[in-house]
Amino acid sequence: MTDLNLKTEDTAQTTTLNRRAALGFLGKAGLGMAAMGLAAPALAAPAKDIDGAVLNFALNLEYLEAAFYLAAVGRLGELKKIGGGAAIRVPAGLDMARGMQFKDSTVQAMANDIAEDELSHVKFLYGALGKGAVMRPVLDLNGAFLAAGSAASGGAIKGFNPYANDLFFLHGAFIFEDVGVTAYNGAATLITNPAYLQAAAGILAVEAYHGGAIRTMLYQQRQITAAAGLYVGQVVQAISNLRGKVGGGKDMGLTDNAGNAVFAPADKNAIAYGRSTREVLNIVYLAPGANKGGFFPNGLNGAIK
């Protein structure tokens, strides 16, 4: 959630996000390399209510992903400058200026790159929606992870902290990335403006890159004991099973039933899964049918919540 490298042309301003603006973002930030400054003029909000509702739904999820990665690399303060002053709860002891202490330089490099991508996504959606952008909701990166770790392991893993070490960080990232891909894919049919659909497709592609990279790192370490006597592969499968249980059954661990590696979870036609907004909410709220809880203690902001 593709940059066609189309030439930009001078055109009159319109009341909706034009194609040049969408592709301009993809060229600058769709691959997560440059941030769109908040001081730049906001793009016009979507003309149709459904487009605005879908983009605000995406913005809520991007707030969460950005918070997770930025906290890991000591840049959470940059997100706190966007979308209001709602609380972002993190595990006690996490150094807000430094972030977590990585042991593997590759994992650290990936964390820094994805943090920049997710911050760029927030800035783009917030700017594109203009005055119609929802404020950042309360985010929980502490209690929600404790609950998710316990639920996924059947109570075997207690005190799960994704910032405790590199492996736990990768497990925390795994919880989010596949959800982001399926959320953007599922929302594609709801978007009516082709320019917004183009931008959403670009973000989906970047989220898929993230998910594949994280799966690759976890697969390489699948036989290493992660916690409570469980191997990495077992913990990832447990997370996948939990997401599948509340998220429409659309999930896969690091291997399929035949033991083959899975780097891109997809259906029998090798098409990425798409989840409905309700299925996504079930996962981030950590409970089917809930209207708040989990990573969003007070719920999402906007029409879809």
Protein backbone atom coordinates (compact mmCIF):
# COMPACT_ATOMS: atom_id res chain seq x y z
CA MET A 1 0.00 0.00 0.00
CA THR A 2 3.27 2.10 -7.48
CA ASP A 3 5.19 4.88 -8.56
CA LEU A 4 4.75 5.11 -12.33
CA ASN A 5 7.28 7.93 -12.57
CA LEU A 6 4.84 10.01 -14.58
CA LYS A 7 5.84 13.54 -15.53
CA THR A 8 4.15 16.30 -13.58
CA GLU A 9 2.41 19.13 -15.40
CA ASP A 10 1.13 22.49 -14.31
CA THR A 11 -2.61 22.23 -13.82
CA ALA A 12 -5.26 24.31 -12.15
CA GLN A 13 -6.06 23.54 -8.54
CA THR A 14 -9.03 21.28 -7.99
CA THR A 15 -11.16 20.53 -4.95
CA THR A 16 -9.85 16.97 -4.69
CA LEU A 17 -6.40 15.48 -4.39
CA ASN A 18 -5.17 15.56 -7.98
CA ARG A 19 -3.11 12.89 -9.67
CA ARG A 20 0.01 15.00 -9.68
CA ALA A 21 -0.16 15.44 -5.90
CA ALA A 22 -0.66 11.72 -5.34
CA LEU A 23 2.18 10.70 -7.60
CA GLY A 24 4.34 13.49 -6.27
CA PHE A 25 4.01 11.93 -2.84
CA LEU A 26 4.82 8.49 -4.17
CA GLY A 27 7.92 9.78 -5.86
CA LYS A 28 9.11 11.52 -2.67
CA ALA A 29 7.74 9.43 0.16
CA GLY A 30 5.95 6.40 -1.29
CA LEU A 31 9.19 4.47 -0.92
CA GLY A 32 9.72 6.03 2.47
CA MET A 33 12.78 8.10 1.62
CA ALA A 34 11.63 11.66 2.26
CA ALA A 35 9.11 13.24 4.58
CA MET A 36 6.49 15.73 3.51
CA GLY A 37 6.91 18.79 5.71
CA LEU A 38 4.00 19.77 7.92
CA ALA A 39 4.54 23.40 6.94
CA ALA A 40 3.58 22.60 3.34
CA PRO A 41 0.05 23.65 2.29
CA ALA A 42 -2.50 20.94 3.05
CA LEU A 43 -4.00 19.19 0.06
CA ALA A 44 -7.73 19.50 -0.41
CA ALA A 45 -9.80 16.95 1.48
CA PRO A 46 -11.61 14.21 -0.48
CA ALA A 47 -14.86 15.33 -2.05
CA LYS A 48 -16.77 12.22 -1.06
CA ASP A 49 -17.38 11.27 2.56
CA ILE A 50 -16.39 7.63 2.00
CA ASP A 51 -12.94 8.60 0.71
CA GLY A 52 -12.33 10.78 3.75
CA ALA A 53 -13.58 8.05 6.09
CA VAL A 54 -11.28 5.44 4.53
CA LEU A 55 -8.23 7.71 4.55
CA ASN A 56 -8.86 8.64 8.18
CA PHE A 57 -9.16 4.93 9.01
CA ALA A 58 -5.76 4.48 7.37
CA LEU A 59 -4.39 7.49 9.26
CA ASN A 60 -5.37 5.91 12.59
CA LEU A 61 -3.43 2.77 11.67
CA GLU A 62 -0.45 4.80 10.47
CA TYR A 63 -0.41 6.71 13.77
CA LEU A 64 -0.07 3.34 15.52
CA GLU A 65 2.62 1.92 13.25
CA ALA A 66 4.61 5.15 13.32
CA ALA A 67 4.46 5.23 17.12
CA PHE A 68 5.73 1.65 17.37
CA TYR A 69 8.77 2.19 15.16
CA LEU A 70 9.58 5.74 16.23
CA ALA A 71 9.59 4.70 19.88
CA ALA A 72 12.09 1.96 19.01
CA VAL A 73 14.55 4.45 17.47
CA GLY A 74 14.11 7.32 19.92
CA ARG A 75 12.05 9.59 17.66
CA LEU A 76 8.59 9.37 19.20
CA GLY A 77 8.68 13.10 19.91
CA GLU A 78 8.39 13.77 16.17
CA LEU A 79 5.04 11.99 16.03
CA LYS A 80 3.78 13.78 19.12
CA LYS A 81 3.97 17.04 17.15
CA ILE A 82 1.31 15.74 14.73
CA GLY A 83 -2.40 15.28 15.38
CA GLY A 84 -2.81 16.60 18.91
CA GLY A 85 -1.61 15.62 22.34
CA ALA A 86 -3.28 12.26 23.03
CA ALA A 87 -1.22 9.91 25.16
CA ILE A 88 1.11 7.29 23.69
CA ARG A 89 1.79 4.62 26.29
CA VAL A 90 5.13 2.80 26.12
CA PRO A 91 6.79 0.23 28.38
CA ALA A 92 8.46 1.63 31.48
CA GLY A 93 12.18 2.05 31.11
CA LEU A 94 12.23 2.74 27.38
CA ASP A 95 14.64 5.61 26.71
CA MET A 96 12.59 8.18 24.81
CA ALA A 97 15.70 9.95 23.50
CA ARG A 98 17.67 6.87 22.49
CA GLY A 99 15.06 4.19 21.91
CA MET A 100 15.80 0.53 22.46
CA GLN A 101 19.26 -1.00 22.47
CA PHE A 102 19.64 -3.06 19.31
CA LYS A 103 22.26 -5.81 19.13
CA ASP A 104 21.92 -6.55 15.41
CA SER A 105 22.88 -3.64 13.15
CA THR A 106 20.67 -4.99 10.34
CA VAL A 107 17.59 -5.01 12.56
CA GLN A 108 18.46 -1.49 13.71
CA ALA A 109 18.89 -0.26 10.12
CA MET A 110 15.52 -1.74 9.18
CA ALA A 111 13.86 -0.17 12.22
CA ASN A 112 15.23 3.26 11.28
CA ASP A 113 14.11 2.91 7.66
CA ILE A 114 10.60 1.75 8.51
CA ALA A 115 10.25 4.45 11.17
CA GLU A 116 10.95 7.07 8.51
CA ASP A 117 8.46 5.43 6.14
CA GLU A 118 5.66 5.34 8.69
CA LEU A 119 6.24 8.92 9.78
CA SER A 120 6.08 9.95 6.11
CA HIS A 121 2.78 8.08 5.72
CA VAL A 122 1.32 9.95 8.68
CA LYS A 123 2.48 13.30 7.34
CA PHE A 124 1.10 12.57 3.89
CA LEU A 125 -2.35 11.42 5.02
CA TYR A 126 -2.59 14.18 7.63
CA GLY A 127 -1.67 16.78 5.03
CA ALA A 128 -3.91 15.30 2.32
CA LEU A 129 -6.94 15.35 4.58
CA GLY A 130 -6.26 18.89 5.77
CA LYS A 131 -8.90 20.12 8.20
CA GLY A 132 -10.71 16.81 7.78
CA ALA A 133 -7.84 14.82 9.35
CA VAL A 134 -8.70 13.07 12.60
CA MET A 135 -6.63 13.73 15.68
CA ARG A 136 -4.25 11.06 16.92
CA PRO A 137 -6.09 8.72 19.29
CA VAL A 138 -4.68 7.36 22.54
CA LEU A 139 -2.21 4.60 21.63
CA ASP A 140 -1.11 1.76 23.89
CA LEU A 141 2.24 0.10 23.14
CA ASN A 142 2.50 -1.34 26.63
CA GLY A 143 -0.60 -3.05 27.98
CA ALA A 144 -1.76 -4.09 24.52
CA PHE A 145 1.50 -5.95 23.86
CA LEU A 146 1.31 -7.60 27.27
CA ALA A 147 -2.18 -8.84 26.43
CA ALA A 148 -1.27 -9.88 22.89
CA GLY A 149 1.80 -11.81 24.02
CA SER A 150 -0.14 -13.65 26.68
CA ALA A 151 -3.07 -14.43 24.37
CA ALA A 152 -0.87 -15.63 21.51
CA SER A 153 1.14 -17.96 23.75
CA GLY A 154 -1.73 -19.27 25.82
CA GLY A 155 -0.36 -17.47 28.85
CA ALA A 156 3.15 -18.88 28.47
CA ILE A 157 4.70 -15.51 27.65
CA LYS A 158 4.22 -12.98 30.41
CA GLY A 159 5.44 -9.40 30.35
CA PHE A 160 5.98 -9.22 26.59
CA ASN A 161 7.91 -6.05 25.77
CA PRO A 162 8.69 -5.54 22.05
CA TYR A 163 11.54 -3.19 22.96
CA ALA A 164 13.33 -5.65 25.25
CA ASN A 165 15.50 -7.15 22.51
CA ASP A 166 15.82 -7.54 18.75
CA LEU A 167 13.75 -10.73 18.54
CA PHE A 168 10.87 -9.31 20.54
CA PHE A 169 10.98 -6.18 18.38
CA LEU A 170 10.63 -8.32 15.23
CA HIS A 171 7.68 -10.15 16.79
CA GLY A 172 6.02 -6.84 17.62
CA ALA A 173 6.60 -5.62 14.07
CA PHE A 174 5.11 -8.86 12.73
CA ILE A 175 1.88 -8.13 14.59
CA PHE A 176 1.44 -4.88 12.66
CA GLU A 177 2.80 -5.29 9.14
CA ASP A 178 0.55 -8.02 7.78
CA VAL A 179 -2.43 -6.18 9.24
CA GLY A 180 -1.45 -3.01 7.40
CA VAL A 181 -1.17 -4.83 4.07
CA THR A 182 -4.54 -6.56 4.42
CA ALA A 183 -6.20 -3.34 5.64
CA TYR A 184 -5.11 -1.30 2.60
CA ASN A 185 -6.00 -4.15 0.25
CA GLY A 186 -9.43 -4.57 1.78
CA ALA A 187 -10.15 -0.83 1.70
CA ALA A 188 -9.26 -0.50 -1.99
CA THR A 189 -12.80 -1.27 -3.13
CA LEU A 190 -14.20 1.52 -0.93
CA ILE A 191 -12.15 4.37 -2.42
CA THR A 192 -13.95 6.25 -5.21
CA ASN A 193 -11.28 8.77 -6.29
CA PRO A 194 -8.65 7.18 -8.61
CA ALA A 195 -5.93 9.53 -7.37
CA TYR A 196 -6.50 8.48 -3.76
CA LEU A 197 -6.56 4.85 -4.85
CA GLN A 198 -3.20 5.37 -6.55
CA ALA A 199 -1.72 6.83 -3.38
CA ALA A 200 -3.18 4.03 -1.25
CA ALA A 201 -1.68 1.46 -3.63
CA GLY A 202 1.71 3.07 -3.18
CA ILE A 203 1.46 2.89 0.61
CA LEU A 204 0.30 -0.73 0.40
CA ALA A 205 3.39 -1.60 -1.66
CA VAL A 206 5.70 -0.11 0.96
CA GLU A 207 3.88 -1.93 3.78
CA ALA A 208 4.29 -5.17 1.83
CA TYR A 209 8.04 -4.54 1.51
CA HIS A 210 8.16 -4.06 5.27
CA GLY A 211 6.23 -7.24 5.94
CA GLY A 212 8.44 -9.31 3.63
CA ALA A 213 11.63 -7.99 5.24
CA ILE A 214 10.38 -8.76 8.75
CA ARG A 215 9.22 -12.23 7.76
CA THR A 216 12.63 -12.92 6.20
CA MET A 217 14.46 -11.96 9.39
CA LEU A 218 12.12 -14.03 11.54
CA TYR A 219 12.41 -17.03 9.20
CA GLN A 220 16.20 -16.94 9.48
CA GLN A 221 15.82 -17.25 13.25
CA ARG A 222 12.79 -19.53 13.37
CA GLN A 223 14.63 -22.29 15.30
CA ILE A 224 15.96 -19.94 17.98
CA THR A 225 14.22 -19.98 21.34
CA ALA A 226 12.33 -16.72 21.72
CA ALA A 227 10.72 -16.96 25.15
CA ALA A 228 9.13 -19.39 27.59
CA GLY A 229 10.71 -22.32 25.76
CA LEU A 230 8.97 -21.42 22.50
CA TYR A 231 10.84 -21.14 19.21
CA VAL A 232 10.54 -18.03 17.06
CA GLY A 233 8.55 -19.99 14.48
CA GLN A 234 6.11 -21.15 17.15
CA VAL A 235 5.59 -17.64 18.53
CA VAL A 236 5.02 -16.23 15.03
CA GLN A 237 2.54 -19.01 14.26
CA ALA A 238 0.72 -18.30 17.51
CA ILE A 239 0.46 -14.61 16.58
CA SER A 240 -0.81 -15.58 13.14
CA ASN A 241 -3.38 -17.95 14.65
CA LEU A 242 -4.62 -15.22 16.98
CA ARG A 243 -4.95 -12.70 14.14
CA GLY A 244 -6.65 -15.28 11.98
CA LYS A 245 -9.12 -16.13 14.73
CA VAL A 246 -10.42 -12.57 15.06
CA GLY A 247 -9.49 -11.28 11.61
CA GLY A 248 -11.42 -13.50 9.24
CA GLY A 249 -8.98 -16.42 9.10
CA LYS A 250 -6.79 -14.58 6.57
CA ASP A 251 -3.34 -15.21 7.93
CA MET A 252 -0.24 -17.38 7.67
CA GLY A 253 2.81 -17.97 9.82
CA LEU A 254 6.37 -18.42 8.56
CA THR A 255 5.57 -21.78 6.91
CA ASP A 256 2.57 -23.40 5.26
CA ASN A 257 1.07 -26.79 6.11
CA ALA A 258 3.71 -28.52 3.97
CA GLY A 259 6.53 -26.78 5.80
CA ASN A 260 7.38 -24.42 2.94
CA ALA A 261 8.54 -20.89 3.74
CA VAL A 262 5.95 -18.10 3.50
CA PHE A 263 7.40 -14.66 2.83
CA ALA A 264 4.28 -13.25 1.17
CA PRO A 265 1.05 -14.57 2.76
CA ALA A 266 -1.61 -14.92 0.07
CA ASP A 267 -4.54 -17.01 -1.11
CA LYS A 268 -4.34 -19.95 -3.54
CA ASN A 269 -4.01 -17.53 -6.45
CA ALA A 270 -1.05 -15.79 -4.78
CA ILE A 271 -3.20 -12.70 -4.22
CA ALA A 272 -2.64 -10.84 -0.95
CA TYR A 273 -5.42 -11.14 1.58
CA GLY A 274 -7.77 -8.23 2.11
CA ARG A 275 -9.53 -7.60 5.39
CA SER A 276 -12.69 -5.62 6.01
CA THR A 277 -12.49 -2.66 8.36
CA ARG A 278 -14.34 -4.73 10.98
CA GLU A 279 -11.80 -7.54 10.72
CA VAL A 280 -8.95 -5.05 11.13
CA LEU A 281 -10.65 -3.49 14.14
CA ASN A 282 -11.03 -6.93 15.72
CA ILE A 283 -7.24 -7.32 15.59
CA VAL A 284 -6.17 -3.89 16.81
CA TYR A 285 -8.81 -3.92 19.57
CA LEU A 286 -7.72 -7.51 20.45
CA ALA A 287 -11.36 -8.61 20.61
CA PRO A 288 -14.03 -9.40 18.00
CA GLY A 289 -16.88 -6.91 17.85
CA ALA A 290 -15.25 -4.43 20.23
CA ASN A 291 -15.38 -0.68 19.64
CA LYS A 292 -12.26 0.12 21.66
CA GLY A 293 -9.42 -1.56 23.51
CA GLY A 294 -6.08 -3.15 22.74
CA PHE A 295 -3.78 -0.78 20.90
CA PHE A 296 -6.54 1.88 20.83
CA PRO A 297 -7.84 2.02 24.43
CA ASN A 298 -10.42 4.69 23.61
CA GLY A 299 -11.06 3.53 20.06
CA LEU A 300 -10.10 4.99 16.70
CA ASN A 301 -11.08 8.51 15.70
CA GLY A 302 -13.26 9.09 12.66
CA ALA A 303 -16.32 7.54 11.03
CA ILE A 304 -14.87 4.00 10.88
CA LYS A 305 -14.14 2.87 14.42
